N, C-alpha and C. Protein backbone atom coordinates (compact mmCIF):
# COMPACT_ATOMS: atom_id res chain seq x y z
N MET A 1 10.80 0.51 19.90
CA MET A 1 10.91 1.78 19.22
C MET A 1 9.91 1.82 18.07
N LEU A 2 9.31 2.95 17.85
CA LEU A 2 8.40 3.15 16.73
C LEU A 2 9.05 4.05 15.69
N GLN A 3 8.75 3.76 14.43
CA GLN A 3 9.18 4.65 13.36
C GLN A 3 7.99 4.90 12.46
N HIS A 4 7.82 6.15 12.03
CA HIS A 4 6.67 6.55 11.21
C HIS A 4 7.13 6.91 9.80
N PHE A 5 6.35 6.48 8.82
CA PHE A 5 6.58 6.80 7.42
C PHE A 5 5.28 7.32 6.83
N ILE A 6 5.35 8.24 5.85
CA ILE A 6 4.13 8.78 5.25
C ILE A 6 4.26 8.85 3.73
N PHE A 7 3.33 8.16 3.05
CA PHE A 7 3.16 8.29 1.60
C PHE A 7 2.19 9.44 1.36
N SER A 8 2.49 10.35 0.44
CA SER A 8 1.58 11.41 0.00
C SER A 8 1.60 11.41 -1.51
N GLU A 9 0.56 10.86 -2.12
CA GLU A 9 0.50 10.67 -3.57
C GLU A 9 -0.79 11.25 -4.11
N THR A 10 -0.87 11.34 -5.42
CA THR A 10 -2.10 11.67 -6.12
C THR A 10 -2.36 10.54 -7.10
N SER A 11 -3.57 10.02 -7.11
CA SER A 11 -3.91 8.91 -8.00
C SER A 11 -3.90 9.38 -9.46
N PRO A 12 -3.85 8.46 -10.42
CA PRO A 12 -3.83 8.84 -11.83
C PRO A 12 -5.02 9.73 -12.22
N ALA A 13 -4.78 10.69 -13.11
CA ALA A 13 -5.81 11.63 -13.56
C ALA A 13 -6.54 11.11 -14.80
N ALA A 14 -6.21 9.91 -15.23
CA ALA A 14 -6.85 9.27 -16.37
C ALA A 14 -6.84 7.77 -16.08
N PRO A 15 -7.67 7.00 -16.77
CA PRO A 15 -7.67 5.55 -16.53
C PRO A 15 -6.27 4.96 -16.69
N GLY A 16 -5.88 4.09 -15.77
CA GLY A 16 -4.57 3.46 -15.85
C GLY A 16 -4.00 3.14 -14.49
N THR A 17 -2.78 2.64 -14.51
CA THR A 17 -2.09 2.18 -13.32
C THR A 17 -0.80 2.98 -13.13
N SER A 18 -0.53 3.36 -11.88
CA SER A 18 0.74 4.02 -11.58
C SER A 18 1.27 3.49 -10.25
N VAL A 19 2.57 3.60 -10.06
CA VAL A 19 3.17 3.25 -8.78
C VAL A 19 3.58 4.53 -8.07
N SER A 20 3.69 4.46 -6.75
CA SER A 20 4.06 5.64 -5.97
C SER A 20 5.40 6.17 -6.45
N SER A 21 5.49 7.51 -6.51
CA SER A 21 6.71 8.12 -7.05
C SER A 21 7.20 9.31 -6.24
N GLN A 22 6.44 9.73 -5.25
CA GLN A 22 6.84 10.86 -4.42
C GLN A 22 7.70 10.38 -3.26
N ALA A 23 8.59 11.22 -2.80
CA ALA A 23 9.43 10.87 -1.66
C ALA A 23 8.54 10.49 -0.47
N VAL A 24 8.91 9.43 0.23
CA VAL A 24 8.17 8.97 1.40
C VAL A 24 8.85 9.52 2.64
N GLN A 25 8.07 10.24 3.45
CA GLN A 25 8.63 10.85 4.66
C GLN A 25 9.28 9.81 5.55
N SER A 26 10.52 10.03 5.94
CA SER A 26 11.32 9.22 6.86
C SER A 26 11.89 7.95 6.24
N SER A 27 11.66 7.70 4.96
CA SER A 27 12.22 6.50 4.33
C SER A 27 13.73 6.65 4.18
N ALA A 28 14.42 5.52 4.11
CA ALA A 28 15.87 5.53 3.96
C ALA A 28 16.29 6.25 2.69
N SER A 29 17.36 7.01 2.76
CA SER A 29 17.81 7.82 1.62
C SER A 29 18.29 6.97 0.45
N TYR A 30 18.66 5.72 0.68
CA TYR A 30 19.15 4.87 -0.41
C TYR A 30 18.01 4.26 -1.23
N LEU A 31 16.76 4.40 -0.78
CA LEU A 31 15.63 3.85 -1.52
C LEU A 31 15.10 4.87 -2.52
N PRO A 32 14.56 4.40 -3.64
CA PRO A 32 14.01 5.34 -4.63
C PRO A 32 12.75 6.03 -4.10
N ALA A 33 12.42 7.18 -4.66
CA ALA A 33 11.18 7.88 -4.30
C ALA A 33 10.00 6.94 -4.52
N GLY A 34 9.02 7.01 -3.62
CA GLY A 34 7.83 6.17 -3.73
C GLY A 34 7.95 4.83 -3.04
N VAL A 35 9.11 4.54 -2.46
CA VAL A 35 9.35 3.27 -1.77
C VAL A 35 9.67 3.56 -0.31
N VAL A 36 9.10 2.78 0.61
CA VAL A 36 9.33 2.96 2.03
C VAL A 36 10.15 1.80 2.58
N GLY A 37 11.04 2.12 3.49
CA GLY A 37 11.85 1.10 4.12
C GLY A 37 12.96 1.76 4.91
N PRO A 38 13.76 1.00 5.60
CA PRO A 38 13.71 -0.45 5.70
C PRO A 38 12.62 -0.90 6.67
N LEU A 39 12.06 -2.06 6.39
CA LEU A 39 10.98 -2.60 7.23
C LEU A 39 11.29 -4.00 7.74
N ASP A 40 12.45 -4.55 7.41
CA ASP A 40 12.75 -5.95 7.72
C ASP A 40 13.09 -6.23 9.17
N ASP A 41 13.23 -5.20 10.00
CA ASP A 41 13.52 -5.44 11.41
C ASP A 41 12.32 -5.14 12.31
N GLY A 42 11.14 -4.97 11.72
CA GLY A 42 9.94 -4.66 12.49
C GLY A 42 9.18 -5.91 12.91
N GLY A 43 8.48 -5.81 14.01
CA GLY A 43 7.62 -6.90 14.48
C GLY A 43 6.20 -6.74 13.98
N SER A 44 5.83 -5.51 13.60
CA SER A 44 4.51 -5.25 13.03
C SER A 44 4.55 -3.93 12.27
N VAL A 45 3.63 -3.79 11.33
CA VAL A 45 3.48 -2.56 10.56
C VAL A 45 2.01 -2.15 10.66
N ASP A 46 1.76 -1.01 11.30
CA ASP A 46 0.41 -0.48 11.44
C ASP A 46 0.19 0.50 10.30
N ILE A 47 -0.91 0.32 9.54
CA ILE A 47 -1.16 1.13 8.35
C ILE A 47 -2.47 1.89 8.52
N LEU A 48 -2.42 3.20 8.29
CA LEU A 48 -3.61 4.04 8.30
C LEU A 48 -3.68 4.74 6.94
N ALA A 49 -4.74 4.47 6.19
CA ALA A 49 -4.92 5.06 4.86
C ALA A 49 -6.03 6.08 4.90
N GLN A 50 -5.77 7.24 4.31
CA GLN A 50 -6.78 8.29 4.16
C GLN A 50 -6.96 8.47 2.65
N LEU A 51 -8.14 8.05 2.17
CA LEU A 51 -8.38 7.99 0.73
C LEU A 51 -9.61 8.80 0.34
N VAL A 52 -9.62 9.24 -0.93
CA VAL A 52 -10.74 9.98 -1.52
C VAL A 52 -10.93 9.42 -2.92
N GLY A 53 -12.18 9.28 -3.37
CA GLY A 53 -12.44 8.78 -4.71
C GLY A 53 -11.98 9.75 -5.78
N ALA A 54 -11.52 9.19 -6.90
CA ALA A 54 -11.10 10.01 -8.04
C ALA A 54 -12.34 10.56 -8.75
N THR A 55 -12.16 11.55 -9.62
CA THR A 55 -13.27 12.13 -10.37
C THR A 55 -13.56 11.29 -11.60
N GLY A 56 -14.80 10.82 -11.74
CA GLY A 56 -15.24 10.15 -12.95
C GLY A 56 -15.05 8.66 -13.02
N GLY A 57 -14.23 8.06 -12.18
CA GLY A 57 -13.98 6.62 -12.25
C GLY A 57 -13.62 6.06 -10.89
N THR A 58 -13.61 4.74 -10.81
CA THR A 58 -13.26 4.07 -9.56
C THR A 58 -11.77 4.21 -9.28
N LEU A 59 -11.39 3.95 -8.04
CA LEU A 59 -9.99 3.98 -7.66
C LEU A 59 -9.69 2.79 -6.76
N ASP A 60 -8.66 2.04 -7.13
CA ASP A 60 -8.17 0.92 -6.32
C ASP A 60 -6.78 1.27 -5.83
N VAL A 61 -6.56 1.12 -4.53
CA VAL A 61 -5.27 1.42 -3.91
C VAL A 61 -4.72 0.14 -3.30
N TYR A 62 -3.55 -0.25 -3.78
CA TYR A 62 -2.86 -1.45 -3.31
C TYR A 62 -1.57 -1.04 -2.63
N MET A 63 -1.15 -1.84 -1.66
CA MET A 63 0.20 -1.74 -1.12
C MET A 63 0.89 -3.05 -1.50
N GLN A 64 2.08 -2.93 -2.03
CA GLN A 64 2.86 -4.10 -2.39
C GLN A 64 4.14 -4.13 -1.56
N SER A 65 4.66 -5.33 -1.34
CA SER A 65 5.89 -5.49 -0.59
C SER A 65 6.92 -6.22 -1.45
N SER A 66 8.18 -6.05 -1.05
CA SER A 66 9.28 -6.73 -1.71
C SER A 66 10.19 -7.31 -0.64
N SER A 67 10.60 -8.53 -0.84
CA SER A 67 11.55 -9.16 0.10
C SER A 67 12.91 -9.38 -0.56
N ASP A 68 13.07 -8.86 -1.79
CA ASP A 68 14.32 -9.07 -2.52
C ASP A 68 14.91 -7.74 -3.03
N ASN A 69 14.89 -6.74 -2.16
CA ASN A 69 15.47 -5.43 -2.47
C ASN A 69 14.82 -4.74 -3.66
N GLY A 70 13.51 -4.95 -3.85
CA GLY A 70 12.77 -4.25 -4.89
C GLY A 70 12.82 -4.90 -6.26
N GLN A 71 13.36 -6.10 -6.36
CA GLN A 71 13.38 -6.79 -7.65
C GLN A 71 12.00 -7.32 -8.02
N THR A 72 11.25 -7.81 -7.03
CA THR A 72 9.92 -8.37 -7.24
C THR A 72 8.96 -7.72 -6.25
N TRP A 73 7.78 -7.35 -6.74
CA TRP A 73 6.75 -6.72 -5.89
C TRP A 73 5.51 -7.60 -5.89
N GLN A 74 4.92 -7.80 -4.70
CA GLN A 74 3.72 -8.63 -4.56
C GLN A 74 2.68 -7.91 -3.72
N ASP A 75 1.42 -8.14 -4.07
CA ASP A 75 0.32 -7.52 -3.33
C ASP A 75 0.36 -7.90 -1.87
N ARG A 76 0.10 -6.93 -1.01
CA ARG A 76 0.04 -7.16 0.43
C ARG A 76 -1.29 -6.66 1.00
N VAL A 77 -1.76 -5.48 0.54
CA VAL A 77 -3.02 -4.90 1.01
C VAL A 77 -3.76 -4.33 -0.20
N HIS A 78 -5.08 -4.57 -0.26
CA HIS A 78 -5.94 -3.91 -1.27
C HIS A 78 -7.10 -3.32 -0.49
N PHE A 79 -7.11 -2.01 -0.37
CA PHE A 79 -8.20 -1.33 0.33
C PHE A 79 -9.47 -1.47 -0.49
N ALA A 80 -10.62 -1.26 0.13
CA ALA A 80 -11.90 -1.34 -0.59
C ALA A 80 -11.89 -0.37 -1.76
N GLN A 81 -12.46 -0.80 -2.89
CA GLN A 81 -12.51 0.05 -4.07
C GLN A 81 -13.34 1.30 -3.78
N LEU A 82 -12.84 2.44 -4.23
CA LEU A 82 -13.55 3.70 -4.05
C LEU A 82 -14.35 4.02 -5.30
N ALA A 83 -15.61 4.38 -5.13
CA ALA A 83 -16.45 4.79 -6.25
C ALA A 83 -16.02 6.17 -6.73
N ALA A 84 -16.42 6.51 -7.94
CA ALA A 84 -16.11 7.83 -8.48
C ALA A 84 -16.60 8.92 -7.53
N GLY A 85 -15.71 9.84 -7.18
CA GLY A 85 -16.08 10.96 -6.32
C GLY A 85 -16.41 10.59 -4.89
N ALA A 86 -16.01 9.40 -4.44
CA ALA A 86 -16.32 8.96 -3.08
C ALA A 86 -15.73 9.94 -2.06
N ALA A 87 -16.48 10.17 -0.98
CA ALA A 87 -16.03 11.05 0.10
C ALA A 87 -14.82 10.45 0.80
N ALA A 88 -14.09 11.29 1.50
CA ALA A 88 -12.91 10.85 2.24
C ALA A 88 -13.28 9.74 3.22
N ILE A 89 -12.40 8.74 3.29
CA ILE A 89 -12.61 7.61 4.20
C ILE A 89 -11.25 7.15 4.70
N SER A 90 -11.23 6.60 5.90
CA SER A 90 -9.98 6.10 6.48
C SER A 90 -10.09 4.60 6.71
N TYR A 91 -9.00 3.90 6.46
CA TYR A 91 -8.91 2.46 6.71
C TYR A 91 -7.67 2.19 7.54
N GLY A 92 -7.74 1.18 8.38
CA GLY A 92 -6.59 0.77 9.17
C GLY A 92 -6.39 -0.73 9.08
N VAL A 93 -5.14 -1.15 9.08
CA VAL A 93 -4.79 -2.58 9.07
C VAL A 93 -3.42 -2.73 9.72
N THR A 94 -3.21 -3.84 10.39
CA THR A 94 -1.92 -4.12 10.99
C THR A 94 -1.38 -5.42 10.43
N LEU A 95 -0.17 -5.37 9.91
CA LEU A 95 0.52 -6.57 9.44
C LEU A 95 1.47 -6.98 10.54
N THR A 96 1.42 -8.25 10.92
CA THR A 96 2.24 -8.71 12.03
C THR A 96 2.69 -10.14 11.81
N ALA A 97 3.77 -10.51 12.48
CA ALA A 97 4.27 -11.88 12.44
C ALA A 97 3.66 -12.71 13.56
N PHE A 98 2.92 -12.06 14.45
CA PHE A 98 2.37 -12.74 15.61
C PHE A 98 0.88 -12.98 15.43
N GLY A 99 0.38 -14.08 15.95
CA GLY A 99 -1.06 -14.37 15.92
C GLY A 99 -1.64 -14.43 14.53
N GLN A 100 -0.97 -15.14 13.63
CA GLN A 100 -1.43 -15.23 12.25
C GLN A 100 -2.78 -15.93 12.14
N PRO A 101 -3.72 -15.34 11.39
CA PRO A 101 -4.97 -16.04 11.14
C PRO A 101 -4.73 -17.18 10.16
N THR A 102 -5.56 -18.19 10.22
CA THR A 102 -5.42 -19.31 9.29
C THR A 102 -6.43 -19.16 8.16
N SER A 103 -6.13 -19.75 7.05
CA SER A 103 -6.99 -19.67 5.89
C SER A 103 -7.13 -21.06 5.29
N ALA A 104 -8.30 -21.36 4.76
CA ALA A 104 -8.54 -22.68 4.17
C ALA A 104 -7.84 -22.81 2.81
N ALA A 105 -7.56 -21.71 2.17
CA ALA A 105 -6.97 -21.78 0.84
C ALA A 105 -6.02 -20.59 0.62
N PRO A 106 -5.03 -20.75 -0.23
CA PRO A 106 -4.17 -19.62 -0.57
C PRO A 106 -4.99 -18.51 -1.23
N VAL A 107 -4.48 -17.29 -1.14
CA VAL A 107 -5.15 -16.13 -1.70
C VAL A 107 -4.41 -15.71 -2.96
N GLN A 108 -5.15 -15.43 -4.04
CA GLN A 108 -4.53 -15.00 -5.28
C GLN A 108 -4.01 -13.58 -5.13
N ILE A 109 -2.76 -13.38 -5.53
CA ILE A 109 -2.16 -12.05 -5.49
C ILE A 109 -1.61 -11.72 -6.87
N GLY A 110 -1.34 -10.44 -7.08
CA GLY A 110 -0.70 -10.00 -8.30
C GLY A 110 0.73 -9.62 -8.03
N THR A 111 1.46 -9.37 -9.10
CA THR A 111 2.85 -8.94 -8.98
C THR A 111 3.08 -7.73 -9.88
N GLY A 112 4.08 -6.95 -9.53
CA GLY A 112 4.43 -5.80 -10.35
C GLY A 112 3.26 -4.84 -10.50
N THR A 113 3.03 -4.39 -11.71
CA THR A 113 1.94 -3.44 -11.95
C THR A 113 0.67 -4.13 -12.42
N THR A 114 0.53 -5.40 -12.06
CA THR A 114 -0.69 -6.16 -12.34
C THR A 114 -1.24 -6.71 -11.03
N PRO A 115 -1.76 -5.85 -10.17
CA PRO A 115 -2.28 -6.31 -8.88
C PRO A 115 -3.55 -7.13 -9.06
N MET A 116 -3.78 -8.12 -8.17
CA MET A 116 -4.94 -8.99 -8.27
C MET A 116 -5.61 -9.30 -6.94
N LEU A 117 -5.04 -8.88 -5.84
CA LEU A 117 -5.60 -9.17 -4.53
C LEU A 117 -7.00 -8.60 -4.45
N SER A 118 -7.95 -9.38 -3.95
CA SER A 118 -9.35 -8.94 -3.85
C SER A 118 -9.48 -7.68 -3.01
N ALA A 119 -10.42 -6.82 -3.38
CA ALA A 119 -10.68 -5.58 -2.64
C ALA A 119 -11.04 -5.90 -1.20
N GLY A 120 -10.55 -5.08 -0.29
CA GLY A 120 -10.84 -5.26 1.13
C GLY A 120 -10.10 -6.44 1.75
N THR A 121 -8.95 -6.80 1.17
CA THR A 121 -8.19 -7.98 1.62
C THR A 121 -6.76 -7.57 1.92
N TYR A 122 -6.16 -8.28 2.90
CA TYR A 122 -4.74 -8.07 3.18
C TYR A 122 -4.13 -9.41 3.56
N LEU A 123 -2.81 -9.50 3.44
CA LEU A 123 -2.08 -10.71 3.78
C LEU A 123 -1.23 -10.45 5.01
N GLN A 124 -1.34 -11.31 6.01
CA GLN A 124 -0.52 -11.19 7.21
C GLN A 124 0.91 -11.58 6.92
N GLY A 125 1.80 -11.23 7.82
CA GLY A 125 3.21 -11.57 7.70
C GLY A 125 4.03 -10.31 7.48
N ILE A 126 5.30 -10.37 7.87
CA ILE A 126 6.17 -9.21 7.70
C ILE A 126 7.52 -9.61 7.10
N GLY A 127 7.53 -10.61 6.26
CA GLY A 127 8.77 -11.06 5.64
C GLY A 127 9.15 -10.22 4.44
N PHE A 128 9.28 -8.90 4.62
CA PHE A 128 9.64 -8.01 3.52
C PHE A 128 10.47 -6.85 4.05
N ASP A 129 11.19 -6.19 3.14
CA ASP A 129 12.06 -5.10 3.56
C ASP A 129 11.60 -3.73 3.09
N ARG A 130 10.63 -3.67 2.18
CA ARG A 130 10.15 -2.38 1.66
C ARG A 130 8.73 -2.52 1.12
N MET A 131 8.06 -1.37 0.95
CA MET A 131 6.69 -1.35 0.41
C MET A 131 6.55 -0.17 -0.55
N ARG A 132 5.54 -0.27 -1.41
CA ARG A 132 5.19 0.81 -2.32
C ARG A 132 3.68 0.77 -2.55
N LEU A 133 3.15 1.78 -3.23
CA LEU A 133 1.73 1.83 -3.58
C LEU A 133 1.57 1.55 -5.07
N VAL A 134 0.45 0.93 -5.42
CA VAL A 134 0.02 0.81 -6.81
C VAL A 134 -1.39 1.39 -6.85
N LEU A 135 -1.61 2.36 -7.72
CA LEU A 135 -2.88 3.06 -7.82
C LEU A 135 -3.49 2.76 -9.19
N VAL A 136 -4.74 2.28 -9.18
CA VAL A 136 -5.41 1.90 -10.43
C VAL A 136 -6.68 2.74 -10.57
N ALA A 137 -6.67 3.63 -11.56
CA ALA A 137 -7.83 4.49 -11.85
C ALA A 137 -8.69 3.81 -12.91
N GLY A 138 -9.99 3.74 -12.66
CA GLY A 138 -10.92 3.06 -13.57
C GLY A 138 -11.34 3.91 -14.76
N THR A 139 -12.08 3.27 -15.65
CA THR A 139 -12.61 3.92 -16.84
C THR A 139 -13.40 5.16 -16.46
N GLY A 140 -13.20 6.24 -17.19
CA GLY A 140 -13.93 7.48 -16.95
C GLY A 140 -13.23 8.44 -16.01
N THR A 141 -12.11 8.05 -15.42
CA THR A 141 -11.40 8.93 -14.50
C THR A 141 -10.88 10.15 -15.25
N THR A 142 -11.16 11.35 -14.70
CA THR A 142 -10.73 12.59 -15.33
C THR A 142 -9.85 13.44 -14.42
N ALA A 143 -9.79 13.11 -13.14
CA ALA A 143 -8.94 13.83 -12.20
C ALA A 143 -8.54 12.89 -11.07
N GLY A 144 -7.30 12.99 -10.64
CA GLY A 144 -6.81 12.15 -9.56
C GLY A 144 -7.30 12.63 -8.20
N ALA A 145 -6.96 11.87 -7.18
CA ALA A 145 -7.38 12.18 -5.82
C ALA A 145 -6.20 12.00 -4.87
N ALA A 146 -6.26 12.67 -3.74
CA ALA A 146 -5.20 12.56 -2.73
C ALA A 146 -5.20 11.18 -2.09
N VAL A 147 -4.02 10.63 -1.93
CA VAL A 147 -3.82 9.35 -1.25
C VAL A 147 -2.75 9.58 -0.19
N LYS A 148 -3.12 9.40 1.07
CA LYS A 148 -2.16 9.55 2.16
C LYS A 148 -2.18 8.28 3.00
N ILE A 149 -1.03 7.66 3.12
CA ILE A 149 -0.93 6.43 3.89
C ILE A 149 0.22 6.56 4.87
N GLN A 150 -0.09 6.31 6.14
CA GLN A 150 0.91 6.38 7.21
C GLN A 150 1.22 4.97 7.68
N LEU A 151 2.48 4.67 7.82
CA LEU A 151 2.95 3.40 8.36
C LEU A 151 3.65 3.66 9.67
N THR A 152 3.34 2.88 10.67
CA THR A 152 4.07 2.93 11.94
C THR A 152 4.64 1.53 12.15
N VAL A 153 5.96 1.46 12.24
CA VAL A 153 6.65 0.18 12.38
C VAL A 153 7.10 0.03 13.82
N GLN A 154 6.73 -1.09 14.42
CA GLN A 154 7.16 -1.44 15.77
C GLN A 154 8.46 -2.22 15.62
N ARG A 155 9.53 -1.70 16.19
CA ARG A 155 10.84 -2.34 16.07
C ARG A 155 11.27 -2.90 17.42
N PRO A 156 10.88 -4.13 17.75
CA PRO A 156 11.21 -4.69 19.07
C PRO A 156 12.66 -5.04 19.22
N ARG A 157 13.40 -5.18 18.12
CA ARG A 157 14.79 -5.62 18.21
C ARG A 157 15.77 -4.46 18.34
N ILE A 158 15.25 -3.23 18.39
CA ILE A 158 16.15 -2.08 18.51
C ILE A 158 16.12 -1.56 19.93
């Protein structure tokens, strides 16, 4: 069975960091706005991001996951940094428990509202129950930009 979720956010209109706060389409009613879930029974999460650069400054879009009911958030995906006024672009990534790539060294991640995962990087694995966005607008940002991210969860156990 597949289930679809959609984040529709606007990035910060001034330099700074914000977390997703708008209701996520199809997310469980018990979760706060800006948080998607439940995701803990999925075999994979397919992510399609449609992003546009903010006005005047760079924009970094992170997806964070939580495996402890939202008490702790950790970086999972960091899309490529968008330059000021960058044209619309789409990115896709699939997080899965199957066919994990190997790495020679651990990858540095951030937590909470201090993301640190390198741009254009993601972490495999699906040991989490919910996700959210962290949006970081760079110096000089004067207007936010549309951020739309669709998640499709493959639920093999249902």
